[in-house]
PDB file of N, CA and C in Angstrom:
ATOM      1  N   MET A   1      24.314  78.481 114.486  1.00  0.00           N
ATOM      2  CA  MET A   1      25.826  78.009 113.780  1.00  0.00           C
ATOM      3  C   MET A   1      25.042  77.458 112.522  1.00  0.00           C
ATOM      4  N   ARG A   2      25.455  78.216 111.553  1.00  0.00           N
ATOM      5  CA  ARG A   2      25.363  78.432 110.264  1.00  0.00           C
ATOM      6  C   ARG A   2      26.226  77.298 109.316  1.00  0.00           C
ATOM      7  N   ALA A   3      25.046  76.808 108.658  1.00  0.00           N
ATOM      8  CA  ALA A   3      25.591  75.635 108.145  1.00  0.00           C
ATOM      9  C   ALA A   3      26.555  75.907 106.905  1.00  0.00           C
ATOM     10  N   VAL A   4      27.545  75.293 106.537  1.00  0.00           N
ATOM     11  CA  VAL A   4      28.528  75.673 105.135  1.00  0.00           C
ATOM     12  C   VAL A   4      28.468  74.824 104.244  1.00  0.00           C
ATOM     13  N   ARG A   5      27.643  75.014 103.272  1.00  0.00           N
ATOM     14  CA  ARG A   5      27.382  74.534 101.847  1.00  0.00           C
ATOM     15  C   ARG A   5      28.710  74.295 101.030  1.00  0.00           C
ATOM     16  N   THR A   6      28.791  72.824 100.579  1.00  0.00           N
ATOM     17  CA  THR A   6      30.211  72.543  99.880  1.00  0.00           C
ATOM     18  C   THR A   6      29.562  71.930  98.139  1.00  0.00           C
ATOM     19  N   THR A   7      30.168  72.194  97.183  1.00  0.00           N
ATOM     20  CA  THR A   7      30.387  72.055  96.524  1.00  0.00           C
ATOM     21  C   THR A   7      31.085  71.575  95.900  1.00  0.00           C
ATOM     22  N   ARG A   8      30.631  70.146  95.518  1.00  0.00           N
ATOM     23  CA  ARG A   8      31.248  68.884  94.287  1.00  0.00           C
ATOM     24  C   ARG A   8      31.413  69.555  93.076  1.00  0.00           C
ATOM     25  N   ARG A   9      33.382  69.446  92.761  1.00  0.00           N
ATOM     26  CA  ARG A   9      33.028  69.816  91.709  1.00  0.00           C
ATOM     27  C   ARG A   9      33.573  68.882  91.279  1.00  0.00           C
ATOM     28  N   SER A  10      33.256  68.881  89.706  1.00  0.00           N
ATOM     29  CA  SER A  10      33.459  67.931  88.163  1.00  0.00           C
ATOM     30  C   SER A  10      34.402  67.850  88.166  1.00  0.00           C
ATOM     31  N   ILE A  11      35.422  66.631  87.914  1.00  0.00           N
ATOM     32  CA  ILE A  11      36.886  66.782  86.851  1.00  0.00           C
ATOM     33  C   ILE A  11      36.083  66.741  85.621  1.00  0.00           C
ATOM     34  N   ALA A  12      34.986  66.696  85.149  1.00  0.00           N
ATOM     35  CA  ALA A  12      35.082  66.447  83.873  1.00  0.00           C
ATOM     36  C   ALA A  12      35.461  67.885  83.116  1.00  0.00           C
ATOM     37  N   PRO A  13      35.124  68.813  83.465  1.00  0.00           N
ATOM     38  CA  PRO A  13      35.857  70.056  82.326  1.00  0.00           C
ATOM     39  C   PRO A  13      37.208  70.031  82.606  1.00  0.00           C
ATOM     40  N   ARG A  14      37.587  69.765  83.758  1.00  0.00           N
ATOM     41  CA  ARG A  14      39.556  69.955  83.373  1.00  0.00           C
ATOM     42  C   ARG A  14      39.736  68.729  82.528  1.00  0.00           C
ATOM     43  N   ALA A  15      39.196  67.169  82.548  1.00  0.00           N
ATOM     44  CA  ALA A  15      39.393  66.142  81.561  1.00  0.00           C
ATOM     45  C   ALA A  15      39.134  66.684  80.515  1.00  0.00           C
ATOM     46  N   ALA A  16      38.025  67.808  79.980  1.00  0.00           N
ATOM     47  CA  ALA A  16      37.238  68.047  78.677  1.00  0.00           C
ATOM     48  C   ALA A  16      38.576  68.817  78.016  1.00  0.00           C
ATOM     49  N   ARG A  17      38.815  69.521  78.849  1.00  0.00           N
ATOM     50  CA  ARG A  17      40.246  70.412  78.712  1.00  0.00           C
ATOM     51  C   ARG A  17      41.478  70.112  77.812  1.00  0.00           C
ATOM     52  N   VAL A  18      41.720  68.857  78.996  1.00  0.00           N
ATOM     53  CA  VAL A  18      43.368  67.818  78.527  1.00  0.00           C
ATOM     54  C   VAL A  18      43.096  67.910  77.494  1.00  0.00           C
ATOM     55  N   ASN A  19      41.966  67.101  76.941  1.00  0.00           N
ATOM     56  CA  ASN A  19      41.887  66.166  75.446  1.00  0.00           C
ATOM     57  C   ASN A  19      41.675  67.556  74.735  1.00  0.00           C
ATOM     58  N   LEU A  20      40.972  67.895  74.699  1.00  0.00           N
ATOM     59  CA  LEU A  20      40.948  69.037  73.898  1.00  0.00           C
ATOM     60  C   LEU A  20      42.847  69.974  73.360  1.00  0.00           C
ATOM     61  N   ASN A  21      42.997  69.694  74.143  1.00  0.00           N
ATOM     62  CA  ASN A  21      44.394  70.234  73.850  1.00  0.00           C
ATOM     63  C   ASN A  21      45.162  69.253  74.167  1.00  0.00           C
ATOM     64  N   ARG A  22      44.905  68.146  74.068  1.00  0.00           N
ATOM     65  CA  ARG A  22      45.990  66.513  73.163  1.00  0.00           C
ATOM     66  C   ARG A  22      45.469  67.162  72.045  1.00  0.00           C
ATOM     67  N   ALA A  23      44.531  66.756  71.428  1.00  0.00           N
ATOM     68  CA  ALA A  23      43.929  66.866  70.281  1.00  0.00           C
ATOM     69  C   ALA A  23      44.433  67.791  69.454  1.00  0.00           C
ATOM     70  N   TYR A  24      44.241  68.901  69.883  1.00  0.00           N
ATOM     71  CA  TYR A  24      44.846  70.025  68.911  1.00  0.00           C
ATOM     72  C   TYR A  24      46.685  69.864  68.807  1.00  0.00           C
ATOM     73  N   GLN A  25      47.416  69.850  69.850  1.00  0.00           N
ATOM     74  CA  GLN A  25      48.721  69.678  69.320  1.00  0.00           C
ATOM     75  C   GLN A  25      48.582  68.051  68.407  1.00  0.00           C
ATOM     76  N   ASP A  26      48.259  67.108  68.797  1.00  0.00           N
ATOM     77  CA  ASP A  26      48.254  66.226  67.799  1.00  0.00           C
ATOM     78  C   ASP A  26      47.350  66.556  66.484  1.00  0.00           C
ATOM     79  N   THR A  27      46.808  67.480  66.417  1.00  0.00           N
ATOM     80  CA  THR A  27      46.594  68.134  64.519  1.00  0.00           C
ATOM     81  C   THR A  27      47.757  68.675  64.767  1.00  0.00           C
ATOM     82  N   ARG A  28      48.415  69.576  65.327  1.00  0.00           N
ATOM     83  CA  ARG A  28      49.171  70.707  64.645  1.00  0.00           C
ATOM     84  C   ARG A  28      50.637  69.668  64.501  1.00  0.00           C
ATOM     85  N   ALA A  29      50.731  68.708  64.966  1.00  0.00           N
ATOM     86  CA  ALA A  29      52.291  67.358  64.604  1.00  0.00           C
ATOM     87  C   ALA A  29      51.449  67.245  63.445  1.00  0.00           C
ATOM     88  N   GLU A  30      50.296  67.027  63.694  1.00  0.00           N
ATOM     89  CA  GLU A  30      49.953  65.662  62.809  1.00  0.00           C
ATOM     90  C   GLU A  30      50.672  67.153  60.783  1.00  0.00           C
ATOM     91  N   LEU A  31      49.773  68.306  61.040  1.00  0.00           N
ATOM     92  CA  LEU A  31      50.334  69.160  59.718  1.00  0.00           C
ATOM     93  C   LEU A  31      51.186  69.444  59.769  1.00  0.00           C
ATOM     94  N   ARG A  32      52.150  69.486  60.538  1.00  0.00           N
ATOM     95  CA  ARG A  32      53.485  69.755  60.186  1.00  0.00           C
ATOM     96  C   ARG A  32      54.738  68.584  59.436  1.00  0.00           C
ATOM     97  N   LYS A  33      53.468  67.329  59.491  1.00  0.00           N
ATOM     98  CA  LYS A  33      54.265  66.388  58.587  1.00  0.00           C
ATOM     99  C   LYS A  33      53.813  66.033  57.104  1.00  0.00           C
ATOM    100  N   ILE A  34      52.884  66.970  56.826  1.00  0.00           N
ATOM    101  CA  ILE A  34      52.297  67.067  55.765  1.00  0.00           C
ATOM    102  C   ILE A  34      53.491  67.634  54.314  1.00  0.00           C
ATOM    103  N   THR A  35      53.253  67.665  53.510  1.00  0.00           N
ATOM    104  CA  THR A  35      54.449  67.831  52.163  1.00  0.00           C
ATOM    105  C   THR A  35      53.576  68.571  51.629  1.00  0.00           C
ATOM    106  N   TRP A  36      53.481  70.159  51.823  1.00  0.00           N
ATOM    107  CA  TRP A  36      52.502  70.937  51.374  1.00  0.00           C
ATOM    108  C   TRP A  36      53.366  71.382  49.456  1.00  0.00           C
ATOM    109  N   PRO A  37      51.869  71.630  48.380  1.00  0.00           N
ATOM    110  CA  PRO A  37      52.744  71.527  47.347  1.00  0.00           C
ATOM    111  C   PRO A  37      53.144  72.885  47.541  1.00  0.00           C
ATOM    112  N   THR A  38      53.804  73.415  46.371  1.00  0.00           N
ATOM    113  CA  THR A  38      54.506  74.596  45.611  1.00  0.00           C
ATOM    114  C   THR A  38      53.584  75.419  45.048  1.00  0.00           C
ATOM    115  N   ARG A  39      53.835  76.906  45.005  1.00  0.00           N
ATOM    116  CA  ARG A  39      52.847  77.638  44.462  1.00  0.00           C
ATOM    117  C   ARG A  39      52.667  77.806  42.986  1.00  0.00           C
ATOM    118  N   GLU A  40      54.026  76.267  42.342  1.00  0.00           N
ATOM    119  CA  GLU A  40      53.454  76.603  40.720  1.00  0.00           C
ATOM    120  C   GLU A  40      52.550  75.073  40.589  1.00  0.00           C
ATOM    121  N   GLU A  41      52.652  74.188  41.574  1.00  0.00           N
ATOM    122  CA  GLU A  41      52.437  72.900  41.589  1.00  0.00           C
ATOM    123  C   GLU A  41      50.787  73.355  41.571  1.00  0.00           C
ATOM    124  N   THR A  42      50.000  74.305  42.402  1.00  0.00           N
ATOM    125  CA  THR A  42      48.811  74.582  43.066  1.00  0.00           C
ATOM    126  C   THR A  42      48.176  74.888  41.540  1.00  0.00           C
ATOM    127  N   ILE A  43      48.996  76.013  41.046  1.00  0.00           N
ATOM    128  CA  ILE A  43      48.699  77.124  39.939  1.00  0.00           C
ATOM    129  C   ILE A  43      48.438  76.105  38.450  1.00  0.00           C
ATOM    130  N   ARG A  44      49.748  75.111  38.741  1.00  0.00           N
ATOM    131  CA  ARG A  44      48.988  74.108  37.557  1.00  0.00           C
ATOM    132  C   ARG A  44      47.561  72.814  37.643  1.00  0.00           C
ATOM    133  N   LEU A  45      47.647  72.429  38.926  1.00  0.00           N
ATOM    134  CA  LEU A  45      46.546  71.800  39.069  1.00  0.00           C
ATOM    135  C   LEU A  45      45.270  72.141  39.285  1.00  0.00           C
ATOM    136  N   THR A  46      45.454  73.514  39.563  1.00  0.00           N
ATOM    137  CA  THR A  46      44.294  74.556  39.865  1.00  0.00           C
ATOM    138  C   THR A  46      44.085  74.170  38.114  1.00  0.00           C
ATOM    139  N   LEU A  47      44.613  74.365  37.072  1.00  0.00           N
ATOM    140  CA  LEU A  47      44.662  74.949  35.876  1.00  0.00           C
ATOM    141  C   LEU A  47      43.719  73.311  35.084  1.00  0.00           C
ATOM    142  N   VAL A  48      44.914  72.289  35.581  1.00  0.00           N
ATOM    143  CA  VAL A  48      43.973  71.404  35.145  1.00  0.00           C
ATOM    144  C   VAL A  48      42.358  70.970  35.630  1.00  0.00           C
ATOM    145  N   VAL A  49      42.066  71.421  36.962  1.00  0.00           N
ATOM    146  CA  VAL A  49      40.882  70.803  37.388  1.00  0.00           C
ATOM    147  C   VAL A  49      39.592  71.846  36.413  1.00  0.00           C
ATOM    148  N   ILE A  50      39.920  72.923  36.117  1.00  0.00           N
ATOM    149  CA  ILE A  50      39.203  74.079  35.937  1.00  0.00           C
ATOM    150  C   ILE A  50      38.676  73.707  33.878  1.00  0.00           C
ATOM    151  N   ALA A  51      40.270  73.412  33.435  1.00  0.00           N
ATOM    152  CA  ALA A  51      39.931  72.235  31.964  1.00  0.00           C
ATOM    153  C   ALA A  51      38.867  71.628  32.061  1.00  0.00           C
ATOM    154  N   LEU A  52      39.510  70.803  33.035  1.00  0.00           N
ATOM    155  CA  LEU A  52      38.719  69.286  33.075  1.00  0.00           C
ATOM    156  C   LEU A  52      36.651  69.423  33.211  1.00  0.00           C
ATOM    157  N   SER A  53      36.624  70.530  34.162  1.00  0.00           N
ATOM    158  CA  SER A  53      35.789  71.132  34.648  1.00  0.00           C
ATOM    159  C   SER A  53      34.849  71.523  32.833  1.00  0.00           C
ATOM    160  N   ILE A  54      35.202  72.593  32.384  1.00  0.00           N
ATOM    161  CA  ILE A  54      35.012  73.108  31.260  1.00  0.00           C
ATOM    162  C   ILE A  54      34.514  72.145  30.470  1.00  0.00           C
ATOM    163  N   THR A  55      35.280  70.939  30.068  1.00  0.00           N
ATOM    164  CA  THR A  55      35.161  69.843  29.332  1.00  0.00           C
ATOM    165  C   THR A  55      34.177  68.900  29.404  1.00  0.00           C
ATOM    166  N   LEU A  56      33.999  68.343  30.502  1.00  0.00           N
ATOM    167  CA  LEU A  56      33.078  67.715  30.787  1.00  0.00           C
ATOM    168  C   LEU A  56      31.980  68.533  30.589  1.00  0.00           C
ATOM    169  N   ALA A  57      31.752  69.905  31.382  1.00  0.00           N
ATOM    170  CA  ALA A  57      30.507  70.533  31.204  1.00  0.00           C
ATOM    171  C   ALA A  57      30.174  70.762  29.598  1.00  0.00           C
ATOM    172  N   LEU A  58      30.564  70.812  28.815  1.00  0.00           N
ATOM    173  CA  LEU A  58      30.788  70.941  27.243  1.00  0.00           C
ATOM    174  C   LEU A  58      30.295  69.700  26.882  1.00  0.00           C
ATOM    175  N   PHE A  59      31.126  68.801  27.469  1.00  0.00           N
ATOM    176  CA  PHE A  59      30.488  67.507  26.851  1.00  0.00           C
ATOM    177  C   PHE A  59      28.927  67.336  27.355  1.00  0.00           C
ATOM    178  N   LEU A  60      28.762  67.349  28.225  1.00  0.00           N
ATOM    179  CA  LEU A  60      27.765  67.100  28.718  1.00  0.00           C
ATOM    180  C   LEU A  60      26.464  67.696  28.239  1.00  0.00           C
ATOM    181  N   GLY A  61      26.817  68.866  27.847  1.00  0.00           N
ATOM    182  CA  GLY A  61      25.907  70.169  27.734  1.00  0.00           C
ATOM    183  C   GLY A  61      25.717  70.100  26.470  1.00  0.00           C
ATOM    184  N   VAL A  62      26.548  70.133  25.348  1.00  0.00           N
ATOM    185  CA  VAL A  62      26.030  69.667  24.229  1.00  0.00           C
ATOM    186  C   VAL A  62      25.822  68.098  23.290  1.00  0.00           C
ATOM    187  N   ILE A  63      26.719  67.505  23.658  1.00  0.00           N
ATOM    188  CA  ILE A  63      26.585  65.940  23.217  1.00  0.00           C
ATOM    189  C   ILE A  63      25.970  65.260  23.906  1.00  0.00           C
ATOM    190  N   VAL A  64      25.772  64.926  25.043  1.00  0.00           N
ATOM    191  CA  VAL A  64      24.381  64.294  25.844  1.00  0.00           C
ATOM    192  C   VAL A  64      23.256  65.003  25.656  1.00  0.00           C
ATOM    193  N   ASP A  65      23.506  65.750  26.213  1.00  0.00           N
ATOM    194  CA  ASP A  65      22.328  67.012  25.576  1.00  0.00           C
ATOM    195  C   ASP A  65      21.187  66.618  24.320  1.00  0.00           C
ATOM    196  N   ARG A  66      22.446  66.487  23.200  1.00  0.00           N
ATOM    197  CA  ARG A  66      21.856  66.656  21.569  1.00  0.00           C
ATOM    198  C   ARG A  66      21.269  65.019  21.960  1.00  0.00           C
ATOM    199  N   ALA A  67      22.098  64.393  22.165  1.00  0.00           N
ATOM    200  CA  ALA A  67      22.034  62.705  21.871  1.00  0.00           C
ATOM    201  C   ALA A  67      20.384  62.492  22.645  1.00  0.00           C
ATOM    202  N   PHE A  68      20.622  62.626  24.207  1.00  0.00           N
ATOM    203  CA  PHE A  68      18.963  62.784  24.739  1.00  0.00           C
ATOM    204  C   PHE A  68      17.697  63.446  24.023  1.00  0.00           C
ATOM    205  N   PHE A  69      17.938  64.072  23.199  1.00  0.00           N
ATOM    206  CA  PHE A  69      16.895  65.324  22.777  1.00  0.00           C
ATOM    207  C   PHE A  69      16.251  64.621  21.834  1.00  0.00           C
ATOM    208  N   TRP A  70      17.543  63.624  20.502  1.00  0.00           N
ATOM    209  CA  TRP A  70      17.328  63.204  19.732  1.00  0.00           C
ATOM    210  C   TRP A  70      16.191  61.661  19.913  1.00  0.00           C
ATOM    211  N   LEU A  71      16.774  61.436  21.270  1.00  0.00           N
ATOM    212  CA  LEU A  71      16.019  60.174  21.693  1.00  0.00           C
ATOM    213  C   LEU A  71      14.388  60.463  22.126  1.00  0.00           C
ATOM    214  N   TYR A  72      14.543  61.693  22.174  1.00  0.00           N
ATOM    215  CA  TYR A  72      13.365  61.756  23.234  1.00  0.00           C
ATOM    216  C   TYR A  72      12.725  62.181  22.001  1.00  0.00           C
ATOM    217  N   SER A  73      12.787  62.864  21.218  1.00  0.00           N
ATOM    218  CA  SER A  73      12.079  63.381  19.447  1.00  0.00           C
ATOM    219  C   SER A  73      11.696  62.341  19.456  1.00  0.00           C
ATOM    220  N   ARG A  74      12.827  60.815  18.745  1.00  0.00           N
ATOM    221  CA  ARG A  74      12.213  59.677  18.323  1.00  0.00           C
ATOM    222  C   ARG A  74      11.354  59.052  18.755  1.00  0.00           C
ATOM    223  N   ILE A  75      10.900  59.478  20.137  1.00  0.00           N
ATOM    224  CA  ILE A  75      10.120  58.332  21.082  1.00  0.00           C
ATOM    225  C   ILE A  75       9.003  58.786  20.763  1.00  0.00           C
ATOM    226  N   ILE A  76       8.527  60.038  21.324  1.00  0.00           N
ATOM    227  CA  ILE A  76       7.683  60.940  21.134  1.00  0.00           C
ATOM    228  C   ILE A  76       7.362  61.333  19.809  1.00  0.00           C
ATOM    229  N   GLY A  77       7.883  61.004  18.702  1.00  0.00           N
ATOM    230  CA  GLY A  77       7.621  61.297  17.371  1.00  0.00           C
ATOM    231  C   GLY A  77       6.792  59.884  16.609  1.00  0.00           C
ATOM    232  N   LEU A  78       6.678  59.188  17.201  1.00  0.00           N
ATOM    233  CA  LEU A  78       6.023  57.465  16.774  1.00  0.00           C
ATOM    234  C   LEU A  78       4.896  57.804  16.707  1.00  0.00           C
TER     235      LEU A  78
END
């Protein structure tokens, strides 16, 4: 007589799949609730971000850099 080998299957993979499916469904449901911006709003806000980035870069690169250079030359020039 030959021994029959039985394997125990864990329920963890199935539970993980169920949780993953539930998370996916919840995510899709939440994404449907979002009020997405219009194309015009997106373009306008993108231009605002670009303008502010350029302004800040110029401010830091020109004014603040010159102020630090002046301060550095005064300290070293003593």
